[in-house]
Amino acid sequence: MSHRWDRRAVAPSARTQLSQGTLRETLYTSDNAKSTTAWLVGAFRLCGTSTGVILCGNITSSLYVQHTGMTMHNHPLAPFAGQRYLNLESVKRDGTPVQTPVWFAEEHGVLYVYTLANAGKVKRIRRNARIRIPPCTMRGNVIGPWVEAEATIVDARTAAHGHALLRHKYGWMKRVGDLFSRLLHRERVVIAIQVLA
């Protein structure tokens, strides 16, 4: 018996996303792919970065991502409970702020995010650890209060733990990103974020 995907079976929110062309827009972000094969390959090429995984994950996030019911013990982190993205704002040498929406995972009051080792935000954080973060949507639209924080590029052992927390939260989408990072030999770093009192 052949099985066909029934559009009516998709949750309304996900159906709305698909009908608005989210899938098409997400995949065409990479290389302006014209064929179905290049379309998909382009999407997976994005998955070596946290931002790329966010874009790829949006395809089915409404259907597959499950919140793990994380508990935020520190009051300043309360706005981040149950959220999937935060907007990491770091500062250039001339003081210009740069914002990037990223995935995050929390443990014991510390937020963990990851990115490519040569990303601009890594260079900015090494130069100036002071950052600001609010919860946000996938596209970076702020949906909560801005919080002052300090960011640290962690060592390999802590990075492995951070990746594990992110895999637990984001499931197969994070694993896809991990796979393609290995295949493409992309070096990544994990950033630990602590909110300032």
N, C-alpha and C. Protein backbone atom coordinates (compact mmCIF):
# COMPACT_ATOMS: atom_id res chain seq x y z
N MET A 1 0.85 -1.19 0.00
CA MET A 1 0.00 0.00 0.00
C MET A 1 0.88 1.24 0.00
N SER A 2 0.61 2.14 -0.89
CA SER A 2 1.39 3.37 -0.95
C SER A 2 0.82 4.38 0.02
N HIS A 3 1.70 5.12 0.64
CA HIS A 3 1.28 6.14 1.61
C HIS A 3 1.62 7.51 1.05
N ARG A 4 0.66 8.39 1.06
CA ARG A 4 0.88 9.74 0.59
C ARG A 4 0.73 10.71 1.76
N TRP A 5 1.55 11.78 1.72
CA TRP A 5 1.49 12.79 2.77
C TRP A 5 0.18 13.55 2.65
N ASP A 6 -0.58 13.57 3.74
CA ASP A 6 -1.87 14.25 3.76
C ASP A 6 -1.69 15.62 4.38
N ARG A 7 -1.79 16.67 3.57
CA ARG A 7 -1.60 18.03 4.07
C ARG A 7 -2.56 18.36 5.19
N ARG A 8 -3.75 17.77 5.16
CA ARG A 8 -4.74 18.05 6.19
C ARG A 8 -4.35 17.50 7.54
N ALA A 9 -3.42 16.53 7.55
CA ALA A 9 -3.02 15.91 8.82
C ALA A 9 -2.00 16.75 9.57
N VAL A 10 -1.45 17.77 8.93
CA VAL A 10 -0.44 18.61 9.56
C VAL A 10 -1.12 19.60 10.49
N ALA A 11 -0.46 19.85 11.63
CA ALA A 11 -1.00 20.82 12.59
C ALA A 11 -1.24 22.15 11.89
N PRO A 12 -2.30 22.89 12.25
CA PRO A 12 -2.61 24.16 11.59
C PRO A 12 -1.45 25.12 11.51
N SER A 13 -0.69 25.24 12.62
CA SER A 13 0.42 26.20 12.62
C SER A 13 1.46 25.81 11.60
N ALA A 14 1.76 24.50 11.51
CA ALA A 14 2.75 24.03 10.55
C ALA A 14 2.22 24.18 9.14
N ARG A 15 0.90 23.91 8.95
CA ARG A 15 0.31 24.03 7.63
C ARG A 15 0.39 25.48 7.15
N THR A 16 0.19 26.41 8.07
CA THR A 16 0.28 27.82 7.72
C THR A 16 1.68 28.17 7.28
N GLN A 17 2.69 27.65 8.02
CA GLN A 17 4.07 27.92 7.65
C GLN A 17 4.34 27.41 6.24
N LEU A 18 3.90 26.19 5.94
CA LEU A 18 4.16 25.61 4.64
C LEU A 18 3.44 26.37 3.55
N SER A 19 2.20 26.75 3.81
CA SER A 19 1.43 27.45 2.80
C SER A 19 2.01 28.83 2.51
N GLN A 20 2.73 29.39 3.45
CA GLN A 20 3.34 30.70 3.26
C GLN A 20 4.70 30.61 2.59
N GLY A 21 5.11 29.39 2.23
CA GLY A 21 6.36 29.23 1.51
C GLY A 21 7.58 29.17 2.39
N THR A 22 7.40 28.85 3.68
CA THR A 22 8.56 28.80 4.58
C THR A 22 9.57 27.77 4.12
N LEU A 23 9.08 26.60 3.69
CA LEU A 23 9.98 25.55 3.24
C LEU A 23 10.75 26.03 2.02
N ARG A 24 10.08 26.62 1.07
CA ARG A 24 10.75 27.08 -0.13
C ARG A 24 11.76 28.16 0.20
N GLU A 25 11.36 29.12 1.03
CA GLU A 25 12.25 30.22 1.38
C GLU A 25 13.46 29.72 2.14
N THR A 26 13.25 28.75 3.04
CA THR A 26 14.35 28.22 3.85
C THR A 26 15.39 27.55 2.98
N LEU A 27 14.95 26.67 2.08
CA LEU A 27 15.90 25.92 1.29
C LEU A 27 16.57 26.78 0.22
N TYR A 28 15.87 27.73 -0.34
CA TYR A 28 16.45 28.57 -1.36
C TYR A 28 17.45 29.56 -0.78
N THR A 29 17.54 29.65 0.55
CA THR A 29 18.53 30.51 1.17
C THR A 29 19.94 30.12 0.75
N SER A 30 20.15 28.84 0.46
CA SER A 30 21.48 28.36 0.13
C SER A 30 21.63 28.20 -1.38
N ASP A 31 22.55 28.97 -1.98
CA ASP A 31 23.01 28.78 -3.35
C ASP A 31 21.95 28.98 -4.43
N ASN A 32 20.82 29.56 -4.08
CA ASN A 32 19.76 29.78 -5.06
C ASN A 32 19.49 28.52 -5.87
N ALA A 33 19.34 27.40 -5.18
CA ALA A 33 19.21 26.10 -5.83
C ALA A 33 18.02 26.08 -6.77
N LYS A 34 18.19 25.47 -7.95
CA LYS A 34 17.14 25.43 -8.94
C LYS A 34 16.49 24.06 -9.07
N SER A 35 17.24 23.01 -8.86
CA SER A 35 16.67 21.68 -8.98
C SER A 35 16.35 21.13 -7.60
N THR A 36 15.51 20.11 -7.56
CA THR A 36 15.14 19.53 -6.27
C THR A 36 16.35 18.98 -5.55
N THR A 37 17.26 18.33 -6.28
CA THR A 37 18.45 17.76 -5.65
C THR A 37 19.34 18.85 -5.07
N ALA A 38 19.64 19.85 -5.89
CA ALA A 38 20.48 20.95 -5.41
C ALA A 38 19.80 21.71 -4.29
N TRP A 39 18.48 21.76 -4.36
CA TRP A 39 17.66 22.42 -3.35
C TRP A 39 17.94 21.82 -1.98
N LEU A 40 17.86 20.47 -1.90
CA LEU A 40 18.07 19.77 -0.64
C LEU A 40 19.52 19.81 -0.20
N VAL A 41 20.44 19.62 -1.15
CA VAL A 41 21.85 19.67 -0.81
C VAL A 41 22.21 21.05 -0.26
N GLY A 42 21.67 22.08 -0.88
CA GLY A 42 21.93 23.43 -0.40
C GLY A 42 21.46 23.62 1.02
N ALA A 43 20.30 23.05 1.35
CA ALA A 43 19.78 23.17 2.70
C ALA A 43 20.69 22.50 3.71
N PHE A 44 21.15 21.29 3.38
CA PHE A 44 21.99 20.57 4.34
C PHE A 44 23.36 21.20 4.47
N ARG A 45 23.82 21.90 3.42
CA ARG A 45 25.10 22.59 3.54
C ARG A 45 25.04 23.68 4.60
N LEU A 46 23.87 24.22 4.81
CA LEU A 46 23.70 25.25 5.83
C LEU A 46 23.92 24.71 7.23
N CYS A 47 23.76 23.40 7.39
CA CYS A 47 23.62 22.84 8.73
C CYS A 47 24.91 22.77 9.52
N GLY A 48 26.01 23.30 8.99
CA GLY A 48 27.24 23.31 9.76
C GLY A 48 27.28 24.41 10.81
N THR A 49 26.35 25.35 10.76
CA THR A 49 26.32 26.44 11.73
C THR A 49 25.01 26.41 12.49
N SER A 50 25.01 27.04 13.64
CA SER A 50 23.78 27.07 14.42
C SER A 50 22.68 27.79 13.67
N THR A 51 23.04 28.88 12.97
CA THR A 51 22.03 29.60 12.20
C THR A 51 21.51 28.74 11.07
N GLY A 52 22.41 28.01 10.42
CA GLY A 52 21.98 27.12 9.35
C GLY A 52 21.06 26.03 9.84
N VAL A 53 21.35 25.47 10.98
CA VAL A 53 20.48 24.45 11.54
C VAL A 53 19.13 25.03 11.90
N ILE A 54 19.12 26.25 12.40
CA ILE A 54 17.84 26.90 12.70
C ILE A 54 17.00 26.99 11.43
N LEU A 55 17.63 27.39 10.32
CA LEU A 55 16.90 27.53 9.07
C LEU A 55 16.40 26.18 8.60
N CYS A 56 17.28 25.17 8.63
CA CYS A 56 16.86 23.83 8.21
C CYS A 56 15.78 23.29 9.14
N GLY A 57 15.96 23.52 10.42
CA GLY A 57 15.01 22.99 11.39
C GLY A 57 13.63 23.58 11.26
N ASN A 58 13.54 24.79 10.72
CA ASN A 58 12.23 25.42 10.58
C ASN A 58 11.32 24.65 9.65
N ILE A 59 11.88 23.80 8.79
CA ILE A 59 11.08 23.02 7.86
C ILE A 59 10.03 22.21 8.60
N THR A 60 10.45 21.57 9.69
CA THR A 60 9.53 20.69 10.39
C THR A 60 9.49 20.95 11.88
N SER A 61 9.94 22.10 12.31
CA SER A 61 10.02 22.35 13.76
C SER A 61 8.66 22.27 14.42
N SER A 62 7.62 22.69 13.73
CA SER A 62 6.29 22.66 14.33
C SER A 62 5.81 21.23 14.56
N LEU A 63 6.40 20.30 13.79
CA LEU A 63 5.95 18.91 13.89
C LEU A 63 6.82 18.09 14.82
N TYR A 64 8.13 18.38 14.88
CA TYR A 64 9.05 17.47 15.52
C TYR A 64 9.74 17.99 16.78
N VAL A 65 9.98 19.27 16.91
CA VAL A 65 10.71 19.77 18.07
C VAL A 65 9.83 19.69 19.30
N GLN A 66 10.35 19.08 20.34
CA GLN A 66 9.62 18.97 21.59
C GLN A 66 10.38 19.73 22.66
N HIS A 67 9.66 20.51 23.43
CA HIS A 67 10.29 21.21 24.54
C HIS A 67 10.52 20.22 25.67
N THR A 68 11.67 20.35 26.31
CA THR A 68 12.05 19.40 27.34
C THR A 68 11.65 19.87 28.73
N GLY A 69 10.95 20.99 28.81
CA GLY A 69 10.49 21.47 30.10
C GLY A 69 11.62 21.92 30.98
N MET A 70 12.63 22.60 30.38
CA MET A 70 13.77 23.04 31.16
C MET A 70 13.33 23.99 32.26
N THR A 71 14.04 23.94 33.33
CA THR A 71 13.72 24.79 34.47
C THR A 71 14.79 25.85 34.62
N MET A 72 14.38 27.09 34.67
CA MET A 72 15.30 28.20 34.88
C MET A 72 15.22 28.60 36.35
N HIS A 73 16.29 28.40 37.07
CA HIS A 73 16.28 28.68 38.51
C HIS A 73 16.55 30.15 38.79
N ASN A 74 17.34 30.78 37.93
CA ASN A 74 17.67 32.19 38.17
C ASN A 74 16.59 33.08 37.59
N HIS A 75 16.15 34.04 38.38
CA HIS A 75 15.07 34.91 37.93
C HIS A 75 15.36 35.62 36.61
N PRO A 76 16.57 36.15 36.37
CA PRO A 76 16.83 36.84 35.09
C PRO A 76 16.65 35.94 33.88
N LEU A 77 16.73 34.62 34.07
CA LEU A 77 16.58 33.70 32.95
C LEU A 77 15.14 33.24 32.73
N ALA A 78 14.26 33.66 33.59
CA ALA A 78 12.86 33.22 33.47
C ALA A 78 12.27 33.48 32.09
N PRO A 79 12.55 34.62 31.43
CA PRO A 79 11.97 34.85 30.10
C PRO A 79 12.42 33.85 29.04
N PHE A 80 13.52 33.13 29.30
CA PHE A 80 14.05 32.19 28.32
C PHE A 80 13.46 30.79 28.48
N ALA A 81 12.74 30.55 29.57
CA ALA A 81 12.16 29.22 29.80
C ALA A 81 11.16 28.89 28.70
N GLY A 82 11.30 27.72 28.11
CA GLY A 82 10.39 27.28 27.07
C GLY A 82 10.65 27.88 25.70
N GLN A 83 11.69 28.72 25.57
CA GLN A 83 12.02 29.33 24.28
C GLN A 83 13.06 28.49 23.53
N ARG A 84 13.11 28.67 22.22
CA ARG A 84 14.05 27.90 21.41
C ARG A 84 15.18 28.74 20.84
N TYR A 85 15.03 30.06 20.85
CA TYR A 85 16.06 30.93 20.28
C TYR A 85 16.34 32.11 21.20
N LEU A 86 17.59 32.55 21.16
CA LEU A 86 17.93 33.82 21.79
C LEU A 86 18.71 34.65 20.77
N ASN A 87 18.68 35.95 20.94
CA ASN A 87 19.37 36.86 20.03
C ASN A 87 20.65 37.32 20.72
N LEU A 88 21.77 36.86 20.22
CA LEU A 88 23.05 37.17 20.83
C LEU A 88 23.58 38.46 20.21
N GLU A 89 23.70 39.49 21.04
CA GLU A 89 24.20 40.78 20.56
C GLU A 89 25.62 41.01 21.09
N SER A 90 26.57 41.00 20.17
CA SER A 90 27.96 41.33 20.50
C SER A 90 28.29 42.66 19.84
N VAL A 91 29.45 43.22 20.17
CA VAL A 91 29.76 44.59 19.75
C VAL A 91 31.06 44.63 18.95
N LYS A 92 31.02 45.37 17.85
CA LYS A 92 32.22 45.59 17.04
C LYS A 92 33.17 46.55 17.74
N ARG A 93 34.36 46.72 17.16
CA ARG A 93 35.35 47.63 17.73
C ARG A 93 34.82 49.05 17.85
N ASP A 94 34.02 49.47 16.86
CA ASP A 94 33.52 50.84 16.87
C ASP A 94 32.25 51.01 17.70
N GLY A 95 31.84 49.93 18.41
CA GLY A 95 30.67 50.01 19.26
C GLY A 95 29.37 49.63 18.60
N THR A 96 29.41 49.28 17.31
CA THR A 96 28.20 48.89 16.59
C THR A 96 27.74 47.50 17.05
N PRO A 97 26.49 47.36 17.50
CA PRO A 97 26.00 46.05 17.93
C PRO A 97 25.65 45.16 16.74
N VAL A 98 25.92 43.88 16.89
CA VAL A 98 25.58 42.89 15.86
C VAL A 98 24.77 41.78 16.53
N GLN A 99 23.61 41.51 15.98
CA GLN A 99 22.71 40.52 16.58
C GLN A 99 22.60 39.27 15.72
N THR A 100 22.59 38.11 16.40
CA THR A 100 22.46 36.84 15.71
C THR A 100 21.52 35.92 16.48
N PRO A 101 20.43 35.43 15.87
CA PRO A 101 19.57 34.46 16.55
C PRO A 101 20.25 33.09 16.56
N VAL A 102 20.27 32.44 17.71
CA VAL A 102 20.93 31.14 17.85
C VAL A 102 20.11 30.22 18.75
N TRP A 103 20.35 28.93 18.61
CA TRP A 103 19.82 27.96 19.55
C TRP A 103 20.55 28.11 20.87
N PHE A 104 19.93 27.63 21.94
CA PHE A 104 20.61 27.64 23.24
C PHE A 104 20.07 26.51 24.10
N ALA A 105 20.89 26.11 25.05
CA ALA A 105 20.46 25.15 26.08
C ALA A 105 20.94 25.67 27.42
N GLU A 106 20.17 25.41 28.45
CA GLU A 106 20.48 25.94 29.79
C GLU A 106 20.76 24.81 30.77
N GLU A 107 21.74 25.05 31.63
CA GLU A 107 21.99 24.14 32.75
C GLU A 107 22.60 24.94 33.89
N HIS A 108 21.98 24.83 35.08
CA HIS A 108 22.49 25.49 36.29
C HIS A 108 22.74 26.99 36.07
N GLY A 109 21.83 27.64 35.36
CA GLY A 109 21.94 29.07 35.18
C GLY A 109 22.90 29.52 34.11
N VAL A 110 23.48 28.58 33.36
CA VAL A 110 24.39 28.91 32.27
C VAL A 110 23.72 28.54 30.95
N LEU A 111 23.80 29.44 29.97
CA LEU A 111 23.26 29.18 28.64
C LEU A 111 24.40 28.79 27.71
N TYR A 112 24.18 27.77 26.90
CA TYR A 112 25.20 27.30 25.96
C TYR A 112 24.70 27.47 24.53
N VAL A 113 25.53 28.07 23.69
CA VAL A 113 25.23 28.19 22.26
C VAL A 113 26.48 27.73 21.51
N TYR A 114 26.32 27.45 20.21
CA TYR A 114 27.50 27.08 19.43
C TYR A 114 27.47 27.80 18.09
N THR A 115 28.65 27.89 17.48
CA THR A 115 28.78 28.57 16.21
C THR A 115 30.09 28.13 15.56
N LEU A 116 30.33 28.58 14.33
CA LEU A 116 31.60 28.29 13.67
C LEU A 116 32.73 29.03 14.38
N ALA A 117 33.89 28.40 14.42
CA ALA A 117 35.02 28.98 15.15
C ALA A 117 35.49 30.30 14.55
N ASN A 118 35.27 30.48 13.25
CA ASN A 118 35.72 31.71 12.60
C ASN A 118 34.60 32.74 12.43
N ALA A 119 33.49 32.55 13.13
CA ALA A 119 32.37 33.48 13.04
C ALA A 119 32.75 34.83 13.64
N GLY A 120 32.13 35.87 13.12
CA GLY A 120 32.42 37.21 13.61
C GLY A 120 32.13 37.38 15.09
N LYS A 121 31.06 36.76 15.56
CA LYS A 121 30.71 36.92 16.98
C LYS A 121 31.76 36.31 17.90
N VAL A 122 32.46 35.27 17.42
CA VAL A 122 33.52 34.67 18.23
C VAL A 122 34.66 35.68 18.40
N LYS A 123 35.04 36.32 17.31
CA LYS A 123 36.10 37.33 17.38
C LYS A 123 35.69 38.50 18.28
N ARG A 124 34.43 38.90 18.15
CA ARG A 124 33.97 40.03 18.97
C ARG A 124 33.93 39.66 20.45
N ILE A 125 33.51 38.44 20.76
CA ILE A 125 33.44 38.01 22.16
C ILE A 125 34.83 37.84 22.76
N ARG A 126 35.78 37.37 21.98
CA ARG A 126 37.16 37.26 22.49
C ARG A 126 37.71 38.64 22.84
N ARG A 127 37.28 39.63 22.11
CA ARG A 127 37.75 41.00 22.35
C ARG A 127 36.96 41.68 23.46
N ASN A 128 35.67 41.39 23.53
CA ASN A 128 34.80 42.02 24.54
C ASN A 128 33.73 41.03 24.94
N ALA A 129 33.84 40.49 26.15
CA ALA A 129 32.95 39.42 26.61
C ALA A 129 31.54 39.91 26.97
N ARG A 130 31.36 41.21 27.10
CA ARG A 130 30.04 41.73 27.47
C ARG A 130 29.08 41.65 26.28
N ILE A 131 27.93 41.04 26.50
CA ILE A 131 26.93 40.90 25.45
C ILE A 131 25.56 41.22 26.03
N ARG A 132 24.55 41.23 25.16
CA ARG A 132 23.15 41.33 25.59
C ARG A 132 22.36 40.23 24.90
N ILE A 133 21.37 39.70 25.60
CA ILE A 133 20.54 38.65 25.01
C ILE A 133 19.07 38.83 25.41
N PRO A 134 18.16 38.62 24.47
CA PRO A 134 16.75 38.46 24.78
C PRO A 134 16.27 37.17 24.12
N PRO A 135 15.15 36.61 24.56
CA PRO A 135 14.55 35.53 23.78
C PRO A 135 14.04 36.12 22.47
N CYS A 136 14.02 35.31 21.41
CA CYS A 136 13.59 35.82 20.12
C CYS A 136 12.98 34.71 19.28
N THR A 137 12.47 35.08 18.12
CA THR A 137 11.96 34.11 17.16
C THR A 137 13.11 33.61 16.31
N MET A 138 12.82 32.65 15.42
CA MET A 138 13.83 32.12 14.53
C MET A 138 14.47 33.21 13.68
N ARG A 139 13.68 34.22 13.32
CA ARG A 139 14.18 35.29 12.48
C ARG A 139 14.84 36.43 13.26
N GLY A 140 14.93 36.27 14.58
CA GLY A 140 15.60 37.27 15.39
C GLY A 140 14.71 38.35 15.96
N ASN A 141 13.40 38.23 15.75
CA ASN A 141 12.48 39.22 16.33
C ASN A 141 12.41 39.05 17.84
N VAL A 142 12.71 40.09 18.56
CA VAL A 142 12.79 40.02 20.01
C VAL A 142 11.39 39.85 20.62
N ILE A 143 11.26 38.89 21.55
CA ILE A 143 9.96 38.61 22.17
C ILE A 143 10.04 38.65 23.69
N GLY A 144 11.10 39.23 24.22
CA GLY A 144 11.25 39.32 25.67
C GLY A 144 12.26 40.40 26.03
N PRO A 145 12.52 40.56 27.31
CA PRO A 145 13.43 41.63 27.75
C PRO A 145 14.89 41.35 27.41
N TRP A 146 15.64 42.43 27.19
CA TRP A 146 17.08 42.31 26.99
C TRP A 146 17.75 42.11 28.35
N VAL A 147 18.76 41.25 28.36
CA VAL A 147 19.48 40.93 29.60
C VAL A 147 20.97 41.11 29.36
N GLU A 148 21.64 41.79 30.27
CA GLU A 148 23.09 41.93 30.20
C GLU A 148 23.75 40.62 30.62
N ALA A 149 24.80 40.23 29.89
CA ALA A 149 25.43 38.95 30.18
C ALA A 149 26.90 38.99 29.80
N GLU A 150 27.59 37.93 30.17
CA GLU A 150 29.01 37.77 29.82
C GLU A 150 29.19 36.44 29.11
N ALA A 151 29.93 36.46 28.01
CA ALA A 151 30.13 35.25 27.20
C ALA A 151 31.57 34.78 27.29
N THR A 152 31.73 33.45 27.29
CA THR A 152 33.06 32.84 27.36
C THR A 152 33.16 31.72 26.34
N ILE A 153 34.24 31.70 25.57
CA ILE A 153 34.51 30.57 24.67
C ILE A 153 35.09 29.45 25.54
N VAL A 154 34.40 28.33 25.63
CA VAL A 154 34.77 27.30 26.60
C VAL A 154 35.80 26.32 26.03
N ASP A 155 36.39 25.53 26.93
CA ASP A 155 37.37 24.54 26.52
C ASP A 155 36.66 23.32 25.90
N ALA A 156 37.45 22.40 25.38
CA ALA A 156 36.91 21.26 24.63
C ALA A 156 35.98 20.39 25.47
N ARG A 157 36.34 20.16 26.73
CA ARG A 157 35.51 19.31 27.58
C ARG A 157 34.15 19.94 27.84
N THR A 158 34.15 21.24 28.16
CA THR A 158 32.89 21.94 28.40
C THR A 158 32.09 22.06 27.12
N ALA A 159 32.79 22.23 25.99
CA ALA A 159 32.11 22.31 24.69
C ALA A 159 31.37 21.02 24.39
N ALA A 160 32.00 19.88 24.69
CA ALA A 160 31.34 18.59 24.45
C ALA A 160 30.07 18.48 25.28
N HIS A 161 30.12 18.98 26.50
CA HIS A 161 28.93 18.95 27.35
C HIS A 161 27.85 19.89 26.81
N GLY A 162 28.28 21.05 26.34
CA GLY A 162 27.32 21.98 25.75
C GLY A 162 26.63 21.40 24.53
N HIS A 163 27.38 20.74 23.67
CA HIS A 163 26.80 20.09 22.49
C HIS A 163 25.79 19.01 22.90
N ALA A 164 26.13 18.28 23.96
CA ALA A 164 25.22 17.23 24.43
C ALA A 164 23.90 17.84 24.91
N LEU A 165 23.97 18.94 25.63
CA LEU A 165 22.75 19.60 26.08
C LEU A 165 21.92 20.08 24.89
N LEU A 166 22.58 20.61 23.88
CA LEU A 166 21.87 21.09 22.69
C LEU A 166 21.26 19.94 21.91
N ARG A 167 21.97 18.81 21.83
CA ARG A 167 21.40 17.64 21.15
C ARG A 167 20.17 17.13 21.87
N HIS A 168 20.22 17.17 23.21
CA HIS A 168 19.06 16.72 23.98
C HIS A 168 17.86 17.62 23.72
N LYS A 169 18.09 18.91 23.58
CA LYS A 169 16.99 19.84 23.38
C LYS A 169 16.45 19.83 21.95
N TYR A 170 17.36 19.80 20.97
CA TYR A 170 16.93 19.96 19.58
C TYR A 170 16.90 18.67 18.77
N GLY A 171 17.32 17.56 19.38
CA GLY A 171 17.14 16.26 18.77
C GLY A 171 17.83 16.09 17.42
N TRP A 172 17.09 15.53 16.45
CA TRP A 172 17.68 15.16 15.17
C TRP A 172 18.20 16.36 14.39
N MET A 173 17.62 17.54 14.60
CA MET A 173 18.11 18.70 13.85
C MET A 173 19.54 19.06 14.25
N LYS A 174 19.83 18.96 15.53
CA LYS A 174 21.21 19.21 15.99
C LYS A 174 22.14 18.12 15.48
N ARG A 175 21.66 16.88 15.47
CA ARG A 175 22.50 15.78 14.99
C ARG A 175 22.82 15.93 13.51
N VAL A 176 21.87 16.43 12.73
CA VAL A 176 22.14 16.69 11.32
C VAL A 176 23.24 17.73 11.18
N GLY A 177 23.15 18.79 11.97
CA GLY A 177 24.19 19.81 11.95
C GLY A 177 25.55 19.25 12.33
N ASP A 178 25.58 18.40 13.35
CA ASP A 178 26.84 17.77 13.78
C ASP A 178 27.43 16.93 12.65
N LEU A 179 26.57 16.17 11.98
CA LEU A 179 27.04 15.29 10.89
C LEU A 179 27.67 16.10 9.77
N PHE A 180 26.99 17.13 9.32
CA PHE A 180 27.51 17.91 8.21
C PHE A 180 28.72 18.75 8.59
N SER A 181 28.82 19.14 9.84
CA SER A 181 30.03 19.83 10.29
C SER A 181 31.23 18.90 10.20
N ARG A 182 31.02 17.64 10.58
CA ARG A 182 32.12 16.67 10.47
C ARG A 182 32.49 16.42 9.01
N LEU A 183 31.47 16.24 8.17
CA LEU A 183 31.73 15.95 6.75
C LEU A 183 32.44 17.12 6.06
N LEU A 184 32.09 18.33 6.45
CA LEU A 184 32.66 19.51 5.82
C LEU A 184 33.88 20.06 6.57
N HIS A 185 34.27 19.35 7.65
CA HIS A 185 35.45 19.73 8.44
C HIS A 185 35.35 21.16 8.95
N ARG A 186 34.18 21.51 9.46
CA ARG A 186 33.97 22.85 10.00
C ARG A 186 34.23 22.86 11.50
N GLU A 187 35.18 23.64 11.90
CA GLU A 187 35.49 23.76 13.33
C GLU A 187 34.45 24.64 14.00
N ARG A 188 33.97 24.20 15.14
CA ARG A 188 32.96 24.95 15.88
C ARG A 188 33.43 25.22 17.30
N VAL A 189 32.82 26.19 17.93
CA VAL A 189 33.09 26.47 19.34
C VAL A 189 31.76 26.58 20.07
N VAL A 190 31.84 26.35 21.37
CA VAL A 190 30.68 26.54 22.23
C VAL A 190 30.92 27.76 23.11
N ILE A 191 29.90 28.57 23.23
CA ILE A 191 29.95 29.79 24.04
C ILE A 191 29.07 29.62 25.27
N ALA A 192 29.63 29.84 26.44
CA ALA A 192 28.87 29.80 27.69
C ALA A 192 28.46 31.22 28.05
N ILE A 193 27.20 31.41 28.37
CA ILE A 193 26.67 32.74 28.68
C ILE A 193 26.15 32.76 30.09
N GLN A 194 26.61 33.72 30.87
CA GLN A 194 26.13 33.90 32.23
C GLN A 194 25.56 35.30 32.38
N VAL A 195 24.32 35.34 32.87
CA VAL A 195 23.66 36.62 33.05
C VAL A 195 24.31 37.39 34.22
N LEU A 196 24.50 38.67 34.03
CA LEU A 196 25.12 39.49 35.06
C LEU A 196 24.06 39.95 36.06
N ALA A 197 24.42 39.93 37.33
CA ALA A 197 23.47 40.33 38.39
C ALA A 197 23.19 41.82 38.29
